[in-house]
Amino acid sequence: MHPDDAAGLQPLPNWENSTGCCGPTGDEGLNRACPCCAPVATLAADCFEPNELHLDPVRTYAFSQ
């Protein structure tokens, strides 16, 4: 999904799993957390690849309000 569609997600503490040249490569696993600090997604946004956000299917689910 597009990273802007989940603007409430934040980097893990100390930018854990977020190494890369210009942004996280996404190769190290979960690197974004929901406001409660639970890791739920992987952001791949380095300069050599498209920006993508992958939600962890074990930790996330769809719902309607």
N, C-alpha and C. Protein backbone atom coordinates (compact mmCIF):
# COMPACT_ATOMS: atom_id res chain seq x y z
N MET A 1 0.84 -1.17 0.00
CA MET A 1 0.00 0.00 0.00
C MET A 1 0.89 1.24 0.00
N HIS A 2 0.30 2.37 -0.32
CA HIS A 2 1.07 3.61 -0.32
C HIS A 2 1.34 4.04 1.12
N PRO A 3 2.56 4.44 1.46
CA PRO A 3 2.88 4.85 2.84
C PRO A 3 1.99 5.97 3.37
N ASP A 4 1.52 6.87 2.51
CA ASP A 4 0.66 7.97 2.97
C ASP A 4 -0.72 7.48 3.43
N ASP A 5 -1.10 6.27 3.04
CA ASP A 5 -2.39 5.71 3.46
C ASP A 5 -2.37 5.22 4.90
N ALA A 6 -1.23 5.22 5.52
CA ALA A 6 -1.10 4.81 6.92
C ALA A 6 -0.24 5.83 7.65
N ALA A 7 -0.65 7.08 7.58
CA ALA A 7 0.14 8.17 8.14
C ALA A 7 0.33 8.07 9.65
N GLY A 8 -0.52 7.32 10.35
CA GLY A 8 -0.41 7.19 11.80
C GLY A 8 0.69 6.25 12.25
N LEU A 9 1.28 5.50 11.34
CA LEU A 9 2.37 4.60 11.72
C LEU A 9 3.64 5.40 11.93
N GLN A 10 4.46 4.92 12.84
CA GLN A 10 5.70 5.61 13.18
C GLN A 10 6.86 4.64 13.16
N PRO A 11 8.10 5.13 13.03
CA PRO A 11 9.26 4.24 13.08
C PRO A 11 9.37 3.57 14.45
N LEU A 12 9.97 2.40 14.46
CA LEU A 12 10.24 1.73 15.73
C LEU A 12 11.27 2.55 16.51
N PRO A 13 11.33 2.37 17.83
CA PRO A 13 12.33 3.10 18.63
C PRO A 13 13.74 2.87 18.09
N ASN A 14 14.55 3.90 18.13
CA ASN A 14 15.94 3.87 17.64
C ASN A 14 16.02 3.47 16.17
N TRP A 15 14.95 3.69 15.41
CA TRP A 15 14.89 3.37 13.98
C TRP A 15 15.27 1.91 13.71
N GLU A 16 14.88 1.03 14.63
CA GLU A 16 15.16 -0.40 14.50
C GLU A 16 14.67 -0.93 13.15
N ASN A 17 15.46 -1.73 12.48
CA ASN A 17 15.16 -2.35 11.19
C ASN A 17 14.93 -1.33 10.08
N SER A 18 15.50 -0.14 10.19
CA SER A 18 15.26 0.91 9.21
C SER A 18 16.53 1.38 8.51
N THR A 19 17.50 0.49 8.30
CA THR A 19 18.73 0.91 7.65
C THR A 19 18.53 1.03 6.14
N GLY A 20 19.29 1.92 5.56
CA GLY A 20 19.26 2.13 4.12
C GLY A 20 20.01 3.40 3.78
N CYS A 21 20.13 3.67 2.53
CA CYS A 21 20.86 4.85 2.06
C CYS A 21 20.06 6.13 2.32
N CYS A 22 18.86 6.19 1.78
CA CYS A 22 18.02 7.40 1.89
C CYS A 22 16.72 7.12 2.64
N GLY A 23 16.52 5.91 3.07
CA GLY A 23 15.32 5.47 3.78
C GLY A 23 15.45 3.99 4.06
N PRO A 24 14.48 3.39 4.73
CA PRO A 24 14.58 1.96 5.04
C PRO A 24 14.43 1.10 3.79
N THR A 25 15.25 0.06 3.69
CA THR A 25 15.16 -0.85 2.55
C THR A 25 14.00 -1.82 2.69
N GLY A 26 13.61 -2.13 3.92
CA GLY A 26 12.55 -3.10 4.14
C GLY A 26 13.05 -4.53 4.22
N ASP A 27 14.35 -4.72 4.09
CA ASP A 27 14.93 -6.07 4.10
C ASP A 27 15.07 -6.66 5.50
N GLU A 28 14.91 -5.85 6.53
CA GLU A 28 15.18 -6.31 7.90
C GLU A 28 13.92 -6.64 8.69
N GLY A 29 12.77 -6.59 8.04
CA GLY A 29 11.53 -6.94 8.73
C GLY A 29 10.76 -5.72 9.20
N LEU A 30 9.86 -5.95 10.12
CA LEU A 30 8.96 -4.90 10.60
C LEU A 30 9.75 -3.69 11.09
N ASN A 31 9.36 -2.50 10.60
CA ASN A 31 10.05 -1.28 11.01
C ASN A 31 9.10 -0.11 11.27
N ARG A 32 7.79 -0.36 11.27
CA ARG A 32 6.79 0.67 11.57
C ARG A 32 5.82 0.14 12.62
N ALA A 33 5.39 1.03 13.50
CA ALA A 33 4.52 0.65 14.61
C ALA A 33 3.26 1.51 14.62
N CYS A 34 2.20 0.96 15.18
CA CYS A 34 0.98 1.73 15.37
C CYS A 34 1.19 2.65 16.59
N PRO A 35 0.25 3.55 16.88
CA PRO A 35 0.43 4.48 18.01
C PRO A 35 0.66 3.79 19.36
N CYS A 36 0.23 2.54 19.51
CA CYS A 36 0.46 1.83 20.78
C CYS A 36 1.85 1.19 20.83
N CYS A 37 2.67 1.43 19.80
CA CYS A 37 4.06 0.95 19.71
C CYS A 37 4.20 -0.50 19.30
N ALA A 38 3.12 -1.15 18.86
CA ALA A 38 3.21 -2.53 18.38
C ALA A 38 3.70 -2.52 16.93
N PRO A 39 4.76 -3.27 16.61
CA PRO A 39 5.24 -3.35 15.24
C PRO A 39 4.19 -4.02 14.35
N VAL A 40 3.82 -3.35 13.25
CA VAL A 40 2.74 -3.89 12.41
C VAL A 40 3.02 -3.84 10.91
N ALA A 41 4.10 -3.18 10.48
CA ALA A 41 4.31 -3.03 9.04
C ALA A 41 5.79 -2.85 8.71
N THR A 42 6.08 -3.05 7.43
CA THR A 42 7.43 -2.84 6.90
C THR A 42 7.37 -1.78 5.82
N LEU A 43 8.13 -0.71 6.01
CA LEU A 43 8.23 0.34 5.02
C LEU A 43 9.49 0.12 4.20
N ALA A 44 9.33 0.08 2.88
CA ALA A 44 10.46 0.03 1.96
C ALA A 44 10.45 1.35 1.22
N ALA A 45 11.40 2.22 1.51
CA ALA A 45 11.39 3.57 0.94
C ALA A 45 12.78 4.10 0.69
N ASP A 46 13.70 3.23 0.29
CA ASP A 46 15.04 3.69 -0.02
C ASP A 46 15.05 4.28 -1.43
N CYS A 47 16.10 4.99 -1.78
CA CYS A 47 16.15 5.72 -3.05
C CYS A 47 16.22 4.81 -4.28
N PHE A 48 16.55 3.53 -4.12
CA PHE A 48 16.70 2.65 -5.28
C PHE A 48 15.49 1.76 -5.53
N GLU A 49 14.39 2.00 -4.84
CA GLU A 49 13.22 1.14 -5.00
C GLU A 49 11.94 1.97 -4.82
N PRO A 50 10.81 1.44 -5.26
CA PRO A 50 9.55 2.17 -5.04
C PRO A 50 9.20 2.23 -3.56
N ASN A 51 8.49 3.26 -3.16
CA ASN A 51 8.03 3.38 -1.77
C ASN A 51 6.81 2.51 -1.58
N GLU A 52 6.90 1.55 -0.68
CA GLU A 52 5.80 0.62 -0.40
C GLU A 52 5.71 0.37 1.09
N LEU A 53 4.50 0.15 1.54
CA LEU A 53 4.26 -0.22 2.93
C LEU A 53 3.55 -1.57 2.92
N HIS A 54 4.13 -2.54 3.60
CA HIS A 54 3.57 -3.88 3.66
C HIS A 54 3.07 -4.14 5.08
N LEU A 55 1.77 -4.32 5.23
CA LEU A 55 1.19 -4.63 6.54
C LEU A 55 1.42 -6.09 6.86
N ASP A 56 1.72 -6.39 8.10
CA ASP A 56 1.91 -7.76 8.54
C ASP A 56 0.54 -8.42 8.67
N PRO A 57 0.25 -9.47 7.89
CA PRO A 57 -1.07 -10.09 7.93
C PRO A 57 -1.39 -10.79 9.27
N VAL A 58 -0.38 -11.07 10.06
CA VAL A 58 -0.61 -11.70 11.36
C VAL A 58 -1.04 -10.66 12.40
N ARG A 59 -0.59 -9.42 12.23
CA ARG A 59 -0.83 -8.39 13.23
C ARG A 59 -1.87 -7.35 12.82
N THR A 60 -2.37 -7.41 11.59
CA THR A 60 -3.34 -6.42 11.13
C THR A 60 -4.56 -7.10 10.52
N TYR A 61 -5.68 -6.37 10.49
CA TYR A 61 -6.90 -6.88 9.85
C TYR A 61 -7.75 -5.69 9.45
N ALA A 62 -8.63 -5.93 8.49
CA ALA A 62 -9.52 -4.86 8.01
C ALA A 62 -10.79 -4.84 8.86
N PHE A 63 -11.33 -3.65 9.05
CA PHE A 63 -12.61 -3.50 9.73
C PHE A 63 -13.28 -2.25 9.22
N SER A 64 -14.57 -2.16 9.39
CA SER A 64 -15.29 -0.94 9.02
C SER A 64 -15.96 -0.39 10.26
N GLN A 65 -16.11 0.92 10.28
CA GLN A 65 -16.67 1.57 11.47
C GLN A 65 -18.15 1.76 11.34
